[in-house]
Amino acid sequence: MNPTLRLILHWLCRLALAVVFIWSGWVKVQAPLQFAVAITGYKIIPDRFAFPIATYFPWLEIALGLVILSGFKIRWSSIASAALMLFFIVLLSVTLFRGIETNCGCFGFGDRITWKTIARDGSFLIPALFLAIESRLPRRLKEFRIMDNPA
């Protein structure tokens, strides 16, 4: 891959993920009670855990966004963000399959869970996966070239 293109993709992925996590966390920090209501709508955890999760989880999202933006341990932070996105996708999918109509709570509190919501969250998985494997790409590609052209 062209080094310039790779650098541009790297920064675009970092910025996109950082914005997603910081923005979604910030929206939830502003309205923890509404986020708690959204959490209870999923009908997966006991209601007594909703408010503590709604209070602390958004700060985790913000912290993850800031770590990704800073570039500290980018591979591990992108793996963590990919795992979190997969968790969200599974949670949304299970809720939709169960026929529960509730708000997503992802970027506000008027967003119903639909296939569009799941696809949107799935699209955030792409930059996370790119950043997770990016540092290993040149080495792997070089190994394949050596195997294709033995001396």
N, C-alpha and C. Protein backbone atom coordinates (compact mmCIF):
# COMPACT_ATOMS: atom_id res chain seq x y z
N MET A 1 0.85 -1.17 0.00
CA MET A 1 0.00 0.00 0.00
C MET A 1 0.89 1.23 0.00
N ASN A 2 0.50 2.21 -0.75
CA ASN A 2 1.21 3.47 -0.82
C ASN A 2 1.31 4.07 0.59
N PRO A 3 2.53 4.45 1.04
CA PRO A 3 2.68 4.98 2.40
C PRO A 3 1.85 6.24 2.67
N THR A 4 1.71 7.09 1.67
CA THR A 4 0.92 8.31 1.86
C THR A 4 -0.56 7.97 2.04
N LEU A 5 -1.05 7.07 1.21
CA LEU A 5 -2.44 6.64 1.32
C LEU A 5 -2.69 5.95 2.66
N ARG A 6 -1.74 5.14 3.07
CA ARG A 6 -1.87 4.45 4.35
C ARG A 6 -1.92 5.44 5.51
N LEU A 7 -1.08 6.47 5.46
CA LEU A 7 -1.08 7.48 6.51
C LEU A 7 -2.40 8.25 6.53
N ILE A 8 -2.93 8.59 5.37
CA ILE A 8 -4.21 9.29 5.29
C ILE A 8 -5.33 8.41 5.85
N LEU A 9 -5.35 7.13 5.45
CA LEU A 9 -6.37 6.20 5.98
C LEU A 9 -6.24 6.03 7.49
N HIS A 10 -5.01 5.94 7.95
CA HIS A 10 -4.77 5.80 9.39
C HIS A 10 -5.39 6.97 10.15
N TRP A 11 -5.11 8.19 9.70
CA TRP A 11 -5.62 9.37 10.40
C TRP A 11 -7.13 9.52 10.26
N LEU A 12 -7.66 9.20 9.09
CA LEU A 12 -9.11 9.27 8.91
C LEU A 12 -9.82 8.28 9.82
N CYS A 13 -9.26 7.08 9.93
CA CYS A 13 -9.86 6.07 10.81
C CYS A 13 -9.79 6.50 12.27
N ARG A 14 -8.64 7.02 12.68
CA ARG A 14 -8.50 7.48 14.06
C ARG A 14 -9.46 8.62 14.36
N LEU A 15 -9.54 9.59 13.46
CA LEU A 15 -10.45 10.72 13.68
C LEU A 15 -11.91 10.26 13.72
N ALA A 16 -12.28 9.39 12.79
CA ALA A 16 -13.67 8.90 12.74
C ALA A 16 -14.03 8.18 14.03
N LEU A 17 -13.18 7.26 14.46
CA LEU A 17 -13.47 6.52 15.70
C LEU A 17 -13.50 7.44 16.91
N ALA A 18 -12.53 8.35 16.98
CA ALA A 18 -12.49 9.27 18.12
C ALA A 18 -13.76 10.11 18.18
N VAL A 19 -14.18 10.64 17.05
CA VAL A 19 -15.39 11.46 17.02
C VAL A 19 -16.61 10.63 17.43
N VAL A 20 -16.71 9.41 16.92
CA VAL A 20 -17.85 8.55 17.25
C VAL A 20 -17.92 8.30 18.75
N PHE A 21 -16.80 7.89 19.35
CA PHE A 21 -16.83 7.55 20.76
C PHE A 21 -16.95 8.79 21.66
N ILE A 22 -16.26 9.85 21.33
CA ILE A 22 -16.35 11.06 22.17
C ILE A 22 -17.75 11.65 22.07
N TRP A 23 -18.29 11.74 20.86
CA TRP A 23 -19.62 12.33 20.69
C TRP A 23 -20.69 11.49 21.37
N SER A 24 -20.67 10.17 21.13
CA SER A 24 -21.72 9.33 21.72
C SER A 24 -21.61 9.32 23.25
N GLY A 25 -20.39 9.34 23.76
CA GLY A 25 -20.21 9.40 25.21
C GLY A 25 -20.70 10.72 25.78
N TRP A 26 -20.37 11.81 25.09
CA TRP A 26 -20.75 13.14 25.58
C TRP A 26 -22.27 13.31 25.62
N VAL A 27 -22.94 12.81 24.60
CA VAL A 27 -24.41 12.90 24.57
C VAL A 27 -25.00 12.17 25.77
N LYS A 28 -24.45 11.02 26.09
CA LYS A 28 -24.96 10.22 27.22
C LYS A 28 -24.62 10.84 28.57
N VAL A 29 -23.45 11.46 28.67
CA VAL A 29 -23.05 12.13 29.92
C VAL A 29 -24.02 13.26 30.23
N GLN A 30 -24.52 13.93 29.22
CA GLN A 30 -25.43 15.06 29.41
C GLN A 30 -26.81 14.64 29.91
N ALA A 31 -27.18 13.36 29.67
CA ALA A 31 -28.52 12.91 30.06
C ALA A 31 -28.46 11.47 30.57
N PRO A 32 -27.85 11.24 31.73
CA PRO A 32 -27.70 9.86 32.21
C PRO A 32 -29.04 9.17 32.50
N LEU A 33 -30.02 9.94 32.92
CA LEU A 33 -31.32 9.33 33.21
C LEU A 33 -31.98 8.82 31.92
N GLN A 34 -31.90 9.62 30.86
CA GLN A 34 -32.44 9.18 29.57
C GLN A 34 -31.69 7.96 29.05
N PHE A 35 -30.37 7.96 29.25
CA PHE A 35 -29.59 6.80 28.82
C PHE A 35 -29.96 5.56 29.64
N ALA A 36 -30.22 5.75 30.91
CA ALA A 36 -30.65 4.63 31.76
C ALA A 36 -31.98 4.06 31.25
N VAL A 37 -32.88 4.94 30.84
CA VAL A 37 -34.17 4.49 30.28
C VAL A 37 -33.93 3.70 29.00
N ALA A 38 -33.01 4.18 28.16
CA ALA A 38 -32.68 3.45 26.93
C ALA A 38 -32.10 2.07 27.25
N ILE A 39 -31.25 2.00 28.26
CA ILE A 39 -30.65 0.72 28.66
C ILE A 39 -31.73 -0.25 29.13
N THR A 40 -32.67 0.23 29.93
CA THR A 40 -33.74 -0.66 30.42
C THR A 40 -34.62 -1.14 29.27
N GLY A 41 -34.71 -0.35 28.20
CA GLY A 41 -35.51 -0.74 27.05
C GLY A 41 -35.01 -1.98 26.35
N TYR A 42 -33.75 -2.30 26.50
CA TYR A 42 -33.18 -3.50 25.88
C TYR A 42 -33.65 -4.78 26.57
N LYS A 43 -34.07 -4.65 27.82
CA LYS A 43 -34.58 -5.77 28.62
C LYS A 43 -33.58 -6.93 28.68
N ILE A 44 -32.33 -6.59 28.97
CA ILE A 44 -31.28 -7.60 29.06
C ILE A 44 -30.69 -7.67 30.46
N ILE A 45 -30.62 -6.53 31.14
CA ILE A 45 -30.04 -6.51 32.48
C ILE A 45 -31.13 -6.09 33.48
N PRO A 46 -30.95 -6.42 34.75
CA PRO A 46 -31.91 -5.94 35.76
C PRO A 46 -31.92 -4.40 35.80
N ASP A 47 -33.08 -3.84 36.01
CA ASP A 47 -33.24 -2.38 36.00
C ASP A 47 -32.33 -1.68 37.00
N ARG A 48 -32.00 -2.32 38.11
CA ARG A 48 -31.19 -1.66 39.14
C ARG A 48 -29.76 -1.36 38.65
N PHE A 49 -29.31 -2.04 37.59
CA PHE A 49 -27.97 -1.79 37.06
C PHE A 49 -27.95 -0.70 35.99
N ALA A 50 -29.11 -0.30 35.51
CA ALA A 50 -29.17 0.64 34.39
C ALA A 50 -28.56 2.00 34.72
N PHE A 51 -28.92 2.57 35.87
CA PHE A 51 -28.40 3.91 36.18
C PHE A 51 -26.89 3.91 36.44
N PRO A 52 -26.33 2.94 37.19
CA PRO A 52 -24.87 2.93 37.33
C PRO A 52 -24.15 2.78 35.98
N ILE A 53 -24.68 1.92 35.11
CA ILE A 53 -24.07 1.78 33.78
C ILE A 53 -24.19 3.09 33.01
N ALA A 54 -25.37 3.70 33.07
CA ALA A 54 -25.60 4.96 32.36
C ALA A 54 -24.72 6.08 32.88
N THR A 55 -24.33 6.00 34.13
CA THR A 55 -23.49 7.04 34.74
C THR A 55 -22.03 6.89 34.35
N TYR A 56 -21.52 5.65 34.33
CA TYR A 56 -20.09 5.44 34.14
C TYR A 56 -19.68 5.03 32.73
N PHE A 57 -20.52 4.30 32.03
CA PHE A 57 -20.15 3.81 30.70
C PHE A 57 -19.81 4.92 29.71
N PRO A 58 -20.56 6.02 29.66
CA PRO A 58 -20.21 7.08 28.71
C PRO A 58 -18.79 7.62 28.90
N TRP A 59 -18.31 7.62 30.14
CA TRP A 59 -16.94 8.10 30.39
C TRP A 59 -15.92 7.13 29.80
N LEU A 60 -16.26 5.86 29.80
CA LEU A 60 -15.39 4.86 29.15
C LEU A 60 -15.33 5.13 27.65
N GLU A 61 -16.47 5.42 27.05
CA GLU A 61 -16.49 5.74 25.62
C GLU A 61 -15.65 6.98 25.31
N ILE A 62 -15.80 8.01 26.12
CA ILE A 62 -15.02 9.24 25.91
C ILE A 62 -13.54 8.95 26.07
N ALA A 63 -13.17 8.20 27.10
CA ALA A 63 -11.76 7.86 27.32
C ALA A 63 -11.20 7.06 26.15
N LEU A 64 -11.97 6.10 25.65
CA LEU A 64 -11.51 5.31 24.51
C LEU A 64 -11.32 6.20 23.28
N GLY A 65 -12.23 7.13 23.05
CA GLY A 65 -12.08 8.07 21.94
C GLY A 65 -10.83 8.92 22.07
N LEU A 66 -10.55 9.38 23.28
CA LEU A 66 -9.35 10.21 23.50
C LEU A 66 -8.07 9.40 23.34
N VAL A 67 -8.08 8.15 23.78
CA VAL A 67 -6.90 7.29 23.62
C VAL A 67 -6.65 7.04 22.13
N ILE A 68 -7.70 6.76 21.39
CA ILE A 68 -7.55 6.53 19.94
C ILE A 68 -7.02 7.80 19.27
N LEU A 69 -7.57 8.94 19.65
CA LEU A 69 -7.12 10.21 19.07
C LEU A 69 -5.66 10.47 19.40
N SER A 70 -5.24 10.15 20.61
CA SER A 70 -3.86 10.41 21.01
C SER A 70 -2.87 9.47 20.32
N GLY A 71 -3.33 8.30 19.91
CA GLY A 71 -2.46 7.35 19.26
C GLY A 71 -1.73 6.43 20.22
N PHE A 72 -2.02 6.55 21.51
CA PHE A 72 -1.37 5.70 22.51
C PHE A 72 -1.88 4.27 22.37
N LYS A 73 -0.97 3.33 22.18
CA LYS A 73 -1.33 1.91 22.05
C LYS A 73 -2.47 1.75 21.04
N ILE A 74 -2.28 2.31 19.85
CA ILE A 74 -3.36 2.39 18.87
C ILE A 74 -3.90 1.02 18.48
N ARG A 75 -3.04 0.03 18.38
CA ARG A 75 -3.53 -1.31 18.02
C ARG A 75 -4.46 -1.85 19.09
N TRP A 76 -4.08 -1.73 20.35
CA TRP A 76 -4.90 -2.25 21.44
C TRP A 76 -6.17 -1.44 21.63
N SER A 77 -6.08 -0.12 21.48
CA SER A 77 -7.29 0.69 21.63
C SER A 77 -8.26 0.46 20.47
N SER A 78 -7.73 0.19 19.29
CA SER A 78 -8.62 -0.10 18.16
C SER A 78 -9.23 -1.49 18.30
N ILE A 79 -8.48 -2.44 18.86
CA ILE A 79 -9.06 -3.76 19.15
C ILE A 79 -10.18 -3.61 20.18
N ALA A 80 -9.95 -2.79 21.20
CA ALA A 80 -10.99 -2.54 22.21
C ALA A 80 -12.22 -1.89 21.58
N SER A 81 -11.99 -0.93 20.67
CA SER A 81 -13.14 -0.28 20.03
C SER A 81 -13.87 -1.25 19.11
N ALA A 82 -13.14 -2.12 18.42
CA ALA A 82 -13.79 -3.13 17.57
C ALA A 82 -14.62 -4.08 18.43
N ALA A 83 -14.08 -4.49 19.56
CA ALA A 83 -14.82 -5.38 20.47
C ALA A 83 -16.08 -4.68 20.98
N LEU A 84 -15.96 -3.41 21.32
CA LEU A 84 -17.12 -2.65 21.80
C LEU A 84 -18.17 -2.51 20.70
N MET A 85 -17.72 -2.25 19.47
CA MET A 85 -18.67 -2.13 18.35
C MET A 85 -19.36 -3.48 18.10
N LEU A 86 -18.61 -4.57 18.17
CA LEU A 86 -19.23 -5.90 18.01
C LEU A 86 -20.26 -6.16 19.11
N PHE A 87 -19.93 -5.76 20.34
CA PHE A 87 -20.87 -5.90 21.44
C PHE A 87 -22.15 -5.12 21.14
N PHE A 88 -22.00 -3.87 20.67
CA PHE A 88 -23.18 -3.05 20.34
C PHE A 88 -24.00 -3.70 19.23
N ILE A 89 -23.33 -4.20 18.20
CA ILE A 89 -24.03 -4.82 17.07
C ILE A 89 -24.82 -6.04 17.54
N VAL A 90 -24.20 -6.87 18.36
CA VAL A 90 -24.90 -8.06 18.89
C VAL A 90 -26.08 -7.62 19.76
N LEU A 91 -25.85 -6.65 20.63
CA LEU A 91 -26.91 -6.16 21.51
C LEU A 91 -28.10 -5.61 20.71
N LEU A 92 -27.81 -4.80 19.71
CA LEU A 92 -28.88 -4.24 18.87
C LEU A 92 -29.60 -5.35 18.10
N SER A 93 -28.83 -6.29 17.55
CA SER A 93 -29.42 -7.37 16.76
C SER A 93 -30.33 -8.26 17.62
N VAL A 94 -29.86 -8.62 18.80
CA VAL A 94 -30.67 -9.46 19.70
C VAL A 94 -31.96 -8.74 20.07
N THR A 95 -31.85 -7.46 20.35
CA THR A 95 -33.04 -6.68 20.72
C THR A 95 -34.03 -6.62 19.55
N LEU A 96 -33.51 -6.42 18.36
CA LEU A 96 -34.37 -6.36 17.18
C LEU A 96 -35.01 -7.72 16.91
N PHE A 97 -34.24 -8.81 17.00
CA PHE A 97 -34.78 -10.15 16.78
C PHE A 97 -35.82 -10.53 17.81
N ARG A 98 -35.69 -10.01 19.03
CA ARG A 98 -36.67 -10.30 20.07
C ARG A 98 -37.96 -9.50 19.88
N GLY A 99 -37.97 -8.59 18.90
CA GLY A 99 -39.16 -7.81 18.61
C GLY A 99 -39.39 -6.66 19.57
N ILE A 100 -38.35 -6.28 20.29
CA ILE A 100 -38.47 -5.18 21.25
C ILE A 100 -38.25 -3.87 20.52
N GLU A 101 -39.22 -2.99 20.63
CA GLU A 101 -39.09 -1.67 20.01
C GLU A 101 -38.64 -0.69 21.08
N THR A 102 -37.41 -0.24 20.95
CA THR A 102 -36.85 0.68 21.93
C THR A 102 -35.87 1.61 21.25
N ASN A 103 -35.46 2.63 21.98
CA ASN A 103 -34.47 3.56 21.46
C ASN A 103 -33.08 2.96 21.57
N CYS A 104 -32.25 3.29 20.62
CA CYS A 104 -30.88 2.80 20.61
C CYS A 104 -30.07 3.43 21.75
N GLY A 105 -30.17 4.73 21.92
CA GLY A 105 -29.38 5.42 22.93
C GLY A 105 -27.96 5.68 22.49
N CYS A 106 -27.66 5.40 21.24
CA CYS A 106 -26.28 5.52 20.75
C CYS A 106 -25.80 6.97 20.64
N PHE A 107 -26.55 7.78 19.92
CA PHE A 107 -26.14 9.18 19.69
C PHE A 107 -27.23 10.15 20.09
N GLY A 108 -28.12 9.71 20.91
CA GLY A 108 -29.26 10.51 21.34
C GLY A 108 -30.35 9.53 21.76
N PHE A 109 -31.53 10.05 21.97
CA PHE A 109 -32.54 9.19 22.56
C PHE A 109 -33.83 9.11 21.76
N GLY A 110 -33.79 9.50 20.49
CA GLY A 110 -34.97 9.38 19.64
C GLY A 110 -34.74 8.42 18.50
N ASP A 111 -33.65 7.67 18.55
CA ASP A 111 -33.24 6.78 17.47
C ASP A 111 -33.70 5.36 17.76
N ARG A 112 -34.71 4.88 17.04
CA ARG A 112 -35.22 3.52 17.24
C ARG A 112 -34.24 2.51 16.65
N ILE A 113 -34.22 1.32 17.22
CA ILE A 113 -33.36 0.25 16.72
C ILE A 113 -33.99 -0.35 15.45
N THR A 114 -33.23 -0.26 14.35
CA THR A 114 -33.64 -0.82 13.07
C THR A 114 -32.41 -1.47 12.43
N TRP A 115 -32.62 -2.07 11.26
CA TRP A 115 -31.48 -2.62 10.52
C TRP A 115 -30.52 -1.50 10.12
N LYS A 116 -31.06 -0.32 9.89
CA LYS A 116 -30.22 0.83 9.55
C LYS A 116 -29.28 1.18 10.71
N THR A 117 -29.80 1.11 11.93
CA THR A 117 -28.98 1.38 13.12
C THR A 117 -27.85 0.36 13.24
N ILE A 118 -28.18 -0.90 12.98
CA ILE A 118 -27.18 -1.96 13.06
C ILE A 118 -26.13 -1.77 11.97
N ALA A 119 -26.57 -1.42 10.76
CA ALA A 119 -25.62 -1.19 9.66
C ALA A 119 -24.71 0.00 9.97
N ARG A 120 -25.27 1.04 10.56
CA ARG A 120 -24.47 2.21 10.94
C ARG A 120 -23.38 1.81 11.92
N ASP A 121 -23.75 1.07 12.96
CA ASP A 121 -22.75 0.63 13.94
C ASP A 121 -21.74 -0.32 13.29
N GLY A 122 -22.21 -1.14 12.36
CA GLY A 122 -21.31 -2.03 11.63
C GLY A 122 -20.29 -1.27 10.81
N SER A 123 -20.70 -0.12 10.28
CA SER A 123 -19.77 0.68 9.48
C SER A 123 -18.64 1.26 10.35
N PHE A 124 -18.90 1.46 11.63
CA PHE A 124 -17.85 1.95 12.54
C PHE A 124 -16.83 0.85 12.87
N LEU A 125 -17.21 -0.38 12.61
CA LEU A 125 -16.30 -1.49 12.83
C LEU A 125 -15.15 -1.48 11.82
N ILE A 126 -15.39 -0.97 10.62
CA ILE A 126 -14.39 -0.98 9.55
C ILE A 126 -13.13 -0.20 9.94
N PRO A 127 -13.22 1.06 10.38
CA PRO A 127 -11.99 1.76 10.76
C PRO A 127 -11.30 1.12 11.96
N ALA A 128 -12.07 0.56 12.88
CA ALA A 128 -11.45 -0.09 14.04
C ALA A 128 -10.65 -1.30 13.61
N LEU A 129 -11.20 -2.10 12.71
CA LEU A 129 -10.48 -3.27 12.23
C LEU A 129 -9.26 -2.88 11.40
N PHE A 130 -9.40 -1.83 10.59
CA PHE A 130 -8.25 -1.37 9.81
C PHE A 130 -7.10 -0.98 10.74
N LEU A 131 -7.39 -0.21 11.76
CA LEU A 131 -6.34 0.21 12.69
C LEU A 131 -5.76 -0.98 13.46
N ALA A 132 -6.58 -1.96 13.74
CA ALA A 132 -6.10 -3.13 14.48
C ALA A 132 -5.11 -3.96 13.66
N ILE A 133 -5.33 -4.05 12.36
CA ILE A 133 -4.44 -4.88 11.53
C ILE A 133 -3.40 -4.07 10.76
N GLU A 134 -3.55 -2.77 10.73
CA GLU A 134 -2.69 -1.93 9.90
C GLU A 134 -1.21 -2.10 10.22
N SER A 135 -0.85 -2.17 11.47
CA SER A 135 0.56 -2.26 11.83
C SER A 135 1.19 -3.58 11.38
N ARG A 136 0.37 -4.57 11.12
CA ARG A 136 0.88 -5.87 10.69
C ARG A 136 0.83 -6.04 9.18
N LEU A 137 0.19 -5.12 8.46
CA LEU A 137 0.05 -5.25 7.02
C LEU A 137 1.38 -5.30 6.27
N PRO A 138 2.29 -4.36 6.45
CA PRO A 138 3.51 -4.38 5.63
C PRO A 138 4.32 -5.67 5.81
N ARG A 139 4.43 -6.12 7.02
CA ARG A 139 5.19 -7.34 7.30
C ARG A 139 4.55 -8.53 6.59
N ARG A 140 3.23 -8.65 6.69
CA ARG A 140 2.53 -9.78 6.07
C ARG A 140 2.63 -9.70 4.55
N LEU A 141 2.46 -8.52 3.99
CA LEU A 141 2.54 -8.37 2.54
C LEU A 141 3.94 -8.71 2.04
N LYS A 142 4.95 -8.32 2.79
CA LYS A 142 6.33 -8.62 2.41
C LYS A 142 6.56 -10.13 2.45
N GLU A 143 6.03 -10.82 3.45
CA GLU A 143 6.16 -12.27 3.53
C GLU A 143 5.53 -12.95 2.33
N PHE A 144 4.36 -12.46 1.89
CA PHE A 144 3.70 -13.05 0.73
C PHE A 144 4.52 -12.83 -0.54
N ARG A 145 5.12 -11.64 -0.68
CA ARG A 145 5.94 -11.36 -1.87
C ARG A 145 7.15 -12.27 -1.91
N ILE A 146 7.75 -12.53 -0.78
CA ILE A 146 8.91 -13.41 -0.74
C ILE A 146 8.50 -14.83 -1.12
N MET A 147 7.34 -15.27 -0.66
CA MET A 147 6.86 -16.60 -0.98
C MET A 147 6.54 -16.73 -2.47
N ASP A 148 6.01 -15.66 -3.08
CA ASP A 148 5.66 -15.70 -4.50
C ASP A 148 6.90 -15.68 -5.39
N ASN A 149 7.97 -15.03 -4.97
CA ASN A 149 9.18 -14.88 -5.77
C ASN A 149 10.39 -15.45 -5.06
N PRO A 150 10.48 -16.78 -4.93
CA PRO A 150 11.65 -17.31 -4.22
C PRO A 150 12.92 -17.06 -5.02
N ALA A 151 13.98 -16.76 -4.31
CA ALA A 151 15.23 -16.44 -4.99
C ALA A 151 16.01 -17.68 -5.36
